[in-house]
């Protein structure tokens, strides 16, 4: 439930985090914007809780059960 805040310095940033939905993607090295977003969630408990819940939901697509289902589907298609 920790709200991720990352600089947009690697290509997977936007694949893993939808800005303002399940975390924050900050333009590279924009310290002022990073601080602004941090203050925003510190001051707004509702927003913090919403983003935190969204983060947990989005992380579930990477849990073991989901990954196993994807691999099993792939193997069934490939008939391995």
PDB file of N, CA and C in Angstrom:
ATOM      1  N   UNK A   1       0.784  -1.204   0.000  1.00  0.00           N
ATOM      2  CA  UNK A   1       0.000   0.000   0.000  1.00  0.00           C
ATOM      3  C   UNK A   1       0.823   1.265   0.000  1.00  0.00           C
ATOM      4  N   UNK A   2       2.147   1.113  -0.061  1.00  0.00           N
ATOM      5  CA  UNK A   2       3.003   2.292  -0.117  1.00  0.00           C
ATOM      6  C   UNK A   2       2.864   2.914  -1.503  1.00  0.00           C
ATOM      7  N   UNK A   3       2.685   4.216  -1.563  1.00  0.00           N
ATOM      8  CA  UNK A   3       2.510   4.903  -2.834  1.00  0.00           C
ATOM      9  C   UNK A   3       3.878   5.084  -3.496  1.00  0.00           C
ATOM     10  N   UNK A   4       4.078   4.442  -4.666  1.00  0.00           N
ATOM     11  CA  UNK A   4       5.368   4.606  -5.334  1.00  0.00           C
ATOM     12  C   UNK A   4       5.471   5.969  -6.003  1.00  0.00           C
ATOM     13  N   UNK A   5       6.641   6.555  -5.888  1.00  0.00           N
ATOM     14  CA  UNK A   5       6.951   7.810  -6.559  1.00  0.00           C
ATOM     15  C   UNK A   5       8.290   7.605  -7.234  1.00  0.00           C
ATOM     16  N   UNK A   6       8.291   7.635  -8.560  1.00  0.00           N
ATOM     17  CA  UNK A   6       9.521   7.369  -9.302  1.00  0.00           C
ATOM     18  C   UNK A   6       9.775   8.472 -10.317  1.00  0.00           C
ATOM     19  N   UNK A   7      11.056   8.678 -10.583  1.00  0.00           N
ATOM     20  CA  UNK A   7      11.419   9.538 -11.693  1.00  0.00           C
ATOM     21  C   UNK A   7      11.253   8.730 -12.980  1.00  0.00           C
ATOM     22  N   UNK A   8      10.783   9.367 -14.006  1.00  0.00           N
ATOM     23  CA  UNK A   8      10.544   8.715 -15.297  1.00  0.00           C
ATOM     24  C   UNK A   8      11.876   8.568 -16.044  1.00  0.00           C
ATOM     25  N   UNK A   9      12.749   7.761 -15.474  1.00  0.00           N
ATOM     26  CA  UNK A   9      14.086   7.589 -16.044  1.00  0.00           C
ATOM     27  C   UNK A   9      14.308   6.191 -16.616  1.00  0.00           C
ATOM     28  N   UNK A  10      13.309   5.337 -16.557  1.00  0.00           N
ATOM     29  CA  UNK A  10      13.425   4.031 -17.188  1.00  0.00           C
ATOM     30  C   UNK A  10      12.091   3.691 -17.842  1.00  0.00           C
ATOM     31  N   UNK A  11      12.157   2.920 -18.909  1.00  0.00           N
ATOM     32  CA  UNK A  11      10.971   2.702 -19.736  1.00  0.00           C
ATOM     33  C   UNK A  11       9.834   1.988 -19.014  1.00  0.00           C
ATOM     34  N   UNK A  12      10.139   1.189 -18.020  1.00  0.00           N
ATOM     35  CA  UNK A  12       9.091   0.440 -17.321  1.00  0.00           C
ATOM     36  C   UNK A  12       8.293   1.301 -16.354  1.00  0.00           C
ATOM     37  N   UNK A  13       8.738   2.504 -16.084  1.00  0.00           N
ATOM     38  CA  UNK A  13       8.025   3.377 -15.133  1.00  0.00           C
ATOM     39  C   UNK A  13       6.550   3.465 -15.458  1.00  0.00           C
ATOM     40  N   UNK A  14       6.250   3.765 -16.691  1.00  0.00           N
ATOM     41  CA  UNK A  14       4.854   3.980 -17.089  1.00  0.00           C
ATOM     42  C   UNK A  14       4.103   2.677 -17.314  1.00  0.00           C
ATOM     43  N   UNK A  15       4.829   1.570 -17.452  1.00  0.00           N
ATOM     44  CA  UNK A  15       4.165   0.262 -17.547  1.00  0.00           C
ATOM     45  C   UNK A  15       3.668  -0.187 -16.179  1.00  0.00           C
ATOM     46  N   UNK A  16       4.410   0.160 -15.149  1.00  0.00           N
ATOM     47  CA  UNK A  16       4.078  -0.275 -13.793  1.00  0.00           C
ATOM     48  C   UNK A  16       3.204   0.716 -13.042  1.00  0.00           C
ATOM     49  N   UNK A  17       3.376   1.985 -13.327  1.00  0.00           N
ATOM     50  CA  UNK A  17       2.680   3.019 -12.563  1.00  0.00           C
ATOM     51  C   UNK A  17       1.873   3.903 -13.500  1.00  0.00           C
ATOM     52  N   UNK A  18       0.583   4.026 -13.206  1.00  0.00           N
ATOM     53  CA  UNK A  18      -0.271   4.963 -13.917  1.00  0.00           C
ATOM     54  C   UNK A  18      -0.319   6.227 -13.061  1.00  0.00           C
ATOM     55  N   UNK A  19       0.284   7.273 -13.576  1.00  0.00           N
ATOM     56  CA  UNK A  19       0.456   8.501 -12.806  1.00  0.00           C
ATOM     57  C   UNK A  19      -0.860   9.002 -12.220  1.00  0.00           C
ATOM     58  N   UNK A  20      -0.815   9.285 -10.929  1.00  0.00           N
ATOM     59  CA  UNK A  20      -1.939   9.833 -10.171  1.00  0.00           C
ATOM     60  C   UNK A  20      -3.058   8.817  -9.944  1.00  0.00           C
ATOM     61  N   UNK A  21      -2.839   7.565 -10.329  1.00  0.00           N
ATOM     62  CA  UNK A  21      -3.824   6.504 -10.077  1.00  0.00           C
ATOM     63  C   UNK A  21      -3.288   5.501  -9.060  1.00  0.00           C
ATOM     64  N   UNK A  22      -2.100   4.954  -9.311  1.00  0.00           N
ATOM     65  CA  UNK A  22      -1.516   3.970  -8.400  1.00  0.00           C
ATOM     66  C   UNK A  22      -0.086   4.361  -8.020  1.00  0.00           C
ATOM     67  N   UNK A  23       0.201   5.616  -8.144  1.00  0.00           N
ATOM     68  CA  UNK A  23       1.519   6.145  -7.804  1.00  0.00           C
ATOM     69  C   UNK A  23       1.761   7.416  -8.592  1.00  0.00           C
ATOM     70  N   UNK A  24       3.007   7.847  -8.563  1.00  0.00           N
ATOM     71  CA  UNK A  24       3.369   9.063  -9.285  1.00  0.00           C
ATOM     72  C   UNK A  24       4.608   8.808 -10.120  1.00  0.00           C
ATOM     73  N   UNK A  25       4.554   9.279 -11.369  1.00  0.00           N
ATOM     74  CA  UNK A  25       5.711   9.262 -12.258  1.00  0.00           C
ATOM     75  C   UNK A  25       6.116  10.718 -12.458  1.00  0.00           C
ATOM     76  N   UNK A  26       7.282  11.052 -11.958  1.00  0.00           N
ATOM     77  CA  UNK A  26       7.772  12.423 -11.964  1.00  0.00           C
ATOM     78  C   UNK A  26       8.762  12.589 -13.115  1.00  0.00           C
ATOM     79  N   UNK A  27       8.691  13.694 -13.857  1.00  0.00           N
ATOM     80  CA  UNK A  27       9.702  13.916 -14.892  1.00  0.00           C
ATOM     81  C   UNK A  27      11.108  13.832 -14.284  1.00  0.00           C
ATOM     82  N   UNK A  28      12.061  13.339 -15.071  1.00  0.00           N
ATOM     83  CA  UNK A  28      13.410  13.118 -14.540  1.00  0.00           C
ATOM     84  C   UNK A  28      13.991  14.327 -13.804  1.00  0.00           C
ATOM     85  N   UNK A  29      14.384  14.063 -12.580  1.00  0.00           N
ATOM     86  CA  UNK A  29      15.138  14.995 -11.742  1.00  0.00           C
ATOM     87  C   UNK A  29      14.403  16.291 -11.410  1.00  0.00           C
ATOM     88  N   UNK A  30      13.076  16.280 -11.510  1.00  0.00           N
ATOM     89  CA  UNK A  30      12.256  17.445 -11.142  1.00  0.00           C
ATOM     90  C   UNK A  30      11.978  17.389  -9.642  1.00  0.00           C
ATOM     91  N   UNK A  31      12.959  17.819  -8.862  1.00  0.00           N
ATOM     92  CA  UNK A  31      12.858  17.742  -7.397  1.00  0.00           C
ATOM     93  C   UNK A  31      11.671  18.523  -6.847  1.00  0.00           C
ATOM     94  N   UNK A  32      11.386  19.660  -7.447  1.00  0.00           N
ATOM     95  CA  UNK A  32      10.276  20.482  -6.966  1.00  0.00           C
ATOM     96  C   UNK A  32       8.937  19.760  -7.160  1.00  0.00           C
ATOM     97  N   UNK A  33       8.768  19.113  -8.319  1.00  0.00           N
ATOM     98  CA  UNK A  33       7.520  18.389  -8.562  1.00  0.00           C
ATOM     99  C   UNK A  33       7.433  17.164  -7.653  1.00  0.00           C
ATOM    100  N   UNK A  34       8.567  16.520  -7.413  1.00  0.00           N
ATOM    101  CA  UNK A  34       8.587  15.381  -6.499  1.00  0.00           C
ATOM    102  C   UNK A  34       8.106  15.831  -5.120  1.00  0.00           C
ATOM    103  N   UNK A  35       8.655  16.927  -4.644  1.00  0.00           N
ATOM    104  CA  UNK A  35       8.265  17.461  -3.338  1.00  0.00           C
ATOM    105  C   UNK A  35       6.789  17.859  -3.321  1.00  0.00           C
ATOM    106  N   UNK A  36       6.325  18.467  -4.406  1.00  0.00           N
ATOM    107  CA  UNK A  36       4.924  18.884  -4.507  1.00  0.00           C
ATOM    108  C   UNK A  36       3.987  17.678  -4.390  1.00  0.00           C
ATOM    109  N   UNK A  37       4.300  16.602  -5.098  1.00  0.00           N
ATOM    110  CA  UNK A  37       3.460  15.396  -5.042  1.00  0.00           C
ATOM    111  C   UNK A  37       3.499  14.760  -3.659  1.00  0.00           C
ATOM    112  N   UNK A  38       4.657  14.746  -3.057  1.00  0.00           N
ATOM    113  CA  UNK A  38       4.796  14.184  -1.714  1.00  0.00           C
ATOM    114  C   UNK A  38       3.961  14.973  -0.711  1.00  0.00           C
ATOM    115  N   UNK A  39       4.049  16.269  -0.769  1.00  0.00           N
ATOM    116  CA  UNK A  39       3.254  17.129   0.118  1.00  0.00           C
ATOM    117  C   UNK A  39       1.763  16.915  -0.133  1.00  0.00           C
ATOM    118  N   UNK A  40       1.390  16.752  -1.410  1.00  0.00           N
ATOM    119  CA  UNK A  40      -0.008  16.537  -1.782  1.00  0.00           C
ATOM    120  C   UNK A  40      -0.599  15.316  -1.073  1.00  0.00           C
ATOM    121  N   UNK A  41       0.133  14.202  -1.068  1.00  0.00           N
ATOM    122  CA  UNK A  41      -0.431  13.010  -0.423  1.00  0.00           C
ATOM    123  C   UNK A  41      -0.286  13.042   1.097  1.00  0.00           C
ATOM    124  N   UNK A  42       0.663  13.810   1.590  1.00  0.00           N
ATOM    125  CA  UNK A  42       0.781  13.957   3.045  1.00  0.00           C
ATOM    126  C   UNK A  42      -0.407  14.760   3.579  1.00  0.00           C
ATOM    127  N   UNK A  43      -0.802  15.789   2.847  1.00  0.00           N
ATOM    128  CA  UNK A  43      -1.875  16.675   3.298  1.00  0.00           C
ATOM    129  C   UNK A  43      -3.273  16.151   2.996  1.00  0.00           C
ATOM    130  N   UNK A  44      -3.391  15.201   2.063  1.00  0.00           N
ATOM    131  CA  UNK A  44      -4.706  14.734   1.641  1.00  0.00           C
ATOM    132  C   UNK A  44      -4.830  13.234   1.928  1.00  0.00           C
ATOM    133  N   UNK A  45      -5.332  12.904   3.100  1.00  0.00           N
ATOM    134  CA  UNK A  45      -5.449  11.503   3.540  1.00  0.00           C
ATOM    135  C   UNK A  45      -6.335  10.688   2.600  1.00  0.00           C
ATOM    136  N   UNK A  46      -7.405  11.292   2.092  1.00  0.00           N
ATOM    137  CA  UNK A  46      -8.298  10.573   1.167  1.00  0.00           C
ATOM    138  C   UNK A  46      -7.553  10.172  -0.103  1.00  0.00           C
ATOM    139  N   UNK A  47      -6.799  11.101  -0.653  1.00  0.00           N
ATOM    140  CA  UNK A  47      -6.032  10.814  -1.868  1.00  0.00           C
ATOM    141  C   UNK A  47      -4.984   9.744  -1.589  1.00  0.00           C
ATOM    142  N   UNK A  48      -4.315   9.835  -0.459  1.00  0.00           N
ATOM    143  CA  UNK A  48      -3.327   8.832  -0.075  1.00  0.00           C
ATOM    144  C   UNK A  48      -3.962   7.455  -0.013  1.00  0.00           C
ATOM    145  N   UNK A  49      -5.107   7.346   0.620  1.00  0.00           N
ATOM    146  CA  UNK A  49      -5.782   6.055   0.745  1.00  0.00           C
ATOM    147  C   UNK A  49      -6.248   5.522  -0.612  1.00  0.00           C
ATOM    148  N   UNK A  50      -6.764   6.404  -1.448  1.00  0.00           N
ATOM    149  CA  UNK A  50      -7.227   5.980  -2.778  1.00  0.00           C
ATOM    150  C   UNK A  50      -6.074   5.448  -3.615  1.00  0.00           C
ATOM    151  N   UNK A  51      -4.995   6.202  -3.682  1.00  0.00           N
ATOM    152  CA  UNK A  51      -3.847   5.768  -4.477  1.00  0.00           C
ATOM    153  C   UNK A  51      -3.236   4.497  -3.877  1.00  0.00           C
ATOM    154  N   UNK A  52      -3.195   4.423  -2.571  1.00  0.00           N
ATOM    155  CA  UNK A  52      -2.671   3.235  -1.901  1.00  0.00           C
ATOM    156  C   UNK A  52      -3.483   1.989  -2.263  1.00  0.00           C
ATOM    157  N   UNK A  53      -4.807   2.101  -2.225  1.00  0.00           N
ATOM    158  CA  UNK A  53      -5.670   0.967  -2.598  1.00  0.00           C
ATOM    159  C   UNK A  53      -5.491   0.593  -4.061  1.00  0.00           C
ATOM    160  N   UNK A  54      -5.392   1.600  -4.931  1.00  0.00           N
ATOM    161  CA  UNK A  54      -5.171   1.337  -6.350  1.00  0.00           C
ATOM    162  C   UNK A  54      -3.828   0.645  -6.583  1.00  0.00           C
ATOM    163  N   UNK A  55      -2.853   1.024  -5.794  1.00  0.00           N
ATOM    164  CA  UNK A  55      -1.529   0.415  -5.896  1.00  0.00           C
ATOM    165  C   UNK A  55      -1.596  -1.074  -5.553  1.00  0.00           C
ATOM    166  N   UNK A  56      -2.300  -1.403  -4.504  1.00  0.00           N
ATOM    167  CA  UNK A  56      -2.449  -2.810  -4.101  1.00  0.00           C
ATOM    168  C   UNK A  56      -3.168  -3.590  -5.192  1.00  0.00           C
ATOM    169  N   UNK A  57      -4.226  -3.011  -5.746  1.00  0.00           N
ATOM    170  CA  UNK A  57      -4.965  -3.689  -6.822  1.00  0.00           C
ATOM    171  C   UNK A  57      -4.070  -3.939  -8.030  1.00  0.00           C
ATOM    172  N   UNK A  58      -3.324  -2.926  -8.433  1.00  0.00           N
ATOM    173  CA  UNK A  58      -2.487  -3.089  -9.622  1.00  0.00           C
ATOM    174  C   UNK A  58      -1.331  -4.050  -9.369  1.00  0.00           C
ATOM    175  N   UNK A  59      -0.860  -4.139  -8.150  1.00  0.00           N
ATOM    176  CA  UNK A  59       0.225  -5.079  -7.830  1.00  0.00           C
ATOM    177  C   UNK A  59      -0.249  -6.521  -7.906  1.00  0.00           C
ATOM    178  N   UNK A  60      -1.538  -6.732  -7.714  1.00  0.00           N
ATOM    179  CA  UNK A  60      -2.074  -8.096  -7.749  1.00  0.00           C
ATOM    180  C   UNK A  60      -1.903  -8.773  -9.101  1.00  0.00           C
ATOM    181  N   UNK A  61      -1.777  -8.002 -10.169  1.00  0.00           N
ATOM    182  CA  UNK A  61      -1.577  -8.645 -11.465  1.00  0.00           C
ATOM    183  C   UNK A  61      -0.197  -9.281 -11.575  1.00  0.00           C
ATOM    184  N   UNK A  62       0.660  -9.031 -10.602  1.00  0.00           N
ATOM    185  CA  UNK A  62       1.996  -9.635 -10.580  1.00  0.00           C
ATOM    186  C   UNK A  62       2.134 -10.696  -9.494  1.00  0.00           C
ATOM    187  N   UNK A  63       1.014 -11.063  -8.840  1.00  0.00           N
ATOM    188  CA  UNK A  63       1.118 -12.085  -7.796  1.00  0.00           C
ATOM    189  C   UNK A  63       1.302 -13.457  -8.440  1.00  0.00           C
ATOM    190  N   UNK A  64       1.718 -14.409  -7.664  1.00  0.00           N
ATOM    191  CA  UNK A  64       2.082 -15.721  -8.182  1.00  0.00           C
ATOM    192  C   UNK A  64       0.931 -16.412  -8.902  1.00  0.00           C
ATOM    193  N   UNK A  65      -0.271 -16.285  -8.380  1.00  0.00           N
ATOM    194  CA  UNK A  65      -1.409 -16.940  -9.014  1.00  0.00           C
ATOM    195  C   UNK A  65      -1.664 -16.377 -10.418  1.00  0.00           C
ATOM    196  N   UNK A  66      -1.589 -15.080 -10.550  1.00  0.00           N
ATOM    197  CA  UNK A  66      -1.806 -14.465 -11.858  1.00  0.00           C
ATOM    198  C   UNK A  66      -0.726 -14.859 -12.853  1.00  0.00           C
ATOM    199  N   UNK A  67       0.497 -14.868 -12.393  1.00  0.00           N
ATOM    200  CA  UNK A  67       1.617 -15.214 -13.276  1.00  0.00           C
ATOM    201  C   UNK A  67       1.521 -16.673 -13.703  1.00  0.00           C
ATOM    202  N   UNK A  68       1.191 -17.557 -12.777  1.00  0.00           N
ATOM    203  CA  UNK A  68       1.047 -18.981 -13.110  1.00  0.00           C
ATOM    204  C   UNK A  68      -0.053 -19.163 -14.145  1.00  0.00           C
ATOM    205  N   UNK A  69      -1.169 -18.479 -13.983  1.00  0.00           N
ATOM    206  CA  UNK A  69      -2.265 -18.577 -14.949  1.00  0.00           C
ATOM    207  C   UNK A  69      -1.804 -18.161 -16.351  1.00  0.00           C
ATOM    208  N   UNK A  70      -1.044 -17.104 -16.431  1.00  0.00           N
ATOM    209  CA  UNK A  70      -0.552 -16.624 -17.724  1.00  0.00           C
ATOM    210  C   UNK A  70       0.385 -17.652 -18.358  1.00  0.00           C
ATOM    211  N   UNK A  71       1.311 -18.210 -17.560  1.00  0.00           N
ATOM    212  CA  UNK A  71       2.236 -19.221 -18.075  1.00  0.00           C
ATOM    213  C   UNK A  71       1.483 -20.482 -18.511  1.00  0.00           C
ATOM    214  N   UNK A  72       0.514 -20.895 -17.721  1.00  0.00           N
ATOM    215  CA  UNK A  72      -0.253 -22.099 -18.101  1.00  0.00           C
ATOM    216  C   UNK A  72      -1.009 -21.879 -19.397  1.00  0.00           C
ATOM    217  N   UNK A  73      -1.570 -20.705 -19.566  1.00  0.00           N
ATOM    218  CA  UNK A  73      -2.278 -20.389 -20.802  1.00  0.00           C
ATOM    219  C   UNK A  73      -1.303 -20.402 -21.987  1.00  0.00           C
ATOM    220  N   UNK A  74      -0.147 -19.812 -21.787  1.00  0.00           N
ATOM    221  CA  UNK A  74       0.869 -19.793 -22.846  1.00  0.00           C
ATOM    222  C   UNK A  74       1.287 -21.210 -23.233  1.00  0.00           C
ATOM    223  N   UNK A  75       1.534 -22.061 -22.221  1.00  0.00           N
ATOM    224  CA  UNK A  75       1.954 -23.429 -22.506  1.00  0.00           C
ATOM    225  C   UNK A  75       0.848 -24.211 -23.202  1.00  0.00           C
ATOM    226  N   UNK A  76      -0.394 -23.951 -22.849  1.00  0.00           N
ATOM    227  CA  UNK A  76      -1.495 -24.688 -23.489  1.00  0.00           C
ATOM    228  C   UNK A  76      -1.621 -24.297 -24.969  1.00  0.00           C
ATOM    229  N   UNK A  77      -1.360 -23.039 -25.271  1.00  0.00           N
ATOM    230  CA  UNK A  77      -1.405 -22.571 -26.664  1.00  0.00           C
ATOM    231  C   UNK A  77      -0.238 -23.165 -27.462  1.00  0.00           C
ATOM    232  N   UNK A  78       0.912 -23.228 -26.811  1.00  0.00           N
ATOM    233  CA  UNK A  78       2.115 -23.752 -27.489  1.00  0.00           C
ATOM    234  C   UNK A  78       2.154 -25.274 -27.481  1.00  0.00           C
ATOM    235  N   UNK A  79       1.278 -25.857 -26.666  1.00  0.00           N
ATOM    236  CA  UNK A  79       1.207 -27.318 -26.507  1.00  0.00           C
ATOM    237  C   UNK A  79       2.553 -27.900 -26.065  1.00  0.00           C
ATOM    238  N   UNK A  80       3.146 -27.242 -25.086  1.00  0.00           N
ATOM    239  CA  UNK A  80       4.422 -27.694 -24.529  1.00  0.00           C
ATOM    240  C   UNK A  80       4.204 -28.700 -23.435  1.00  0.00           C
TER     241      UNK A  80
END
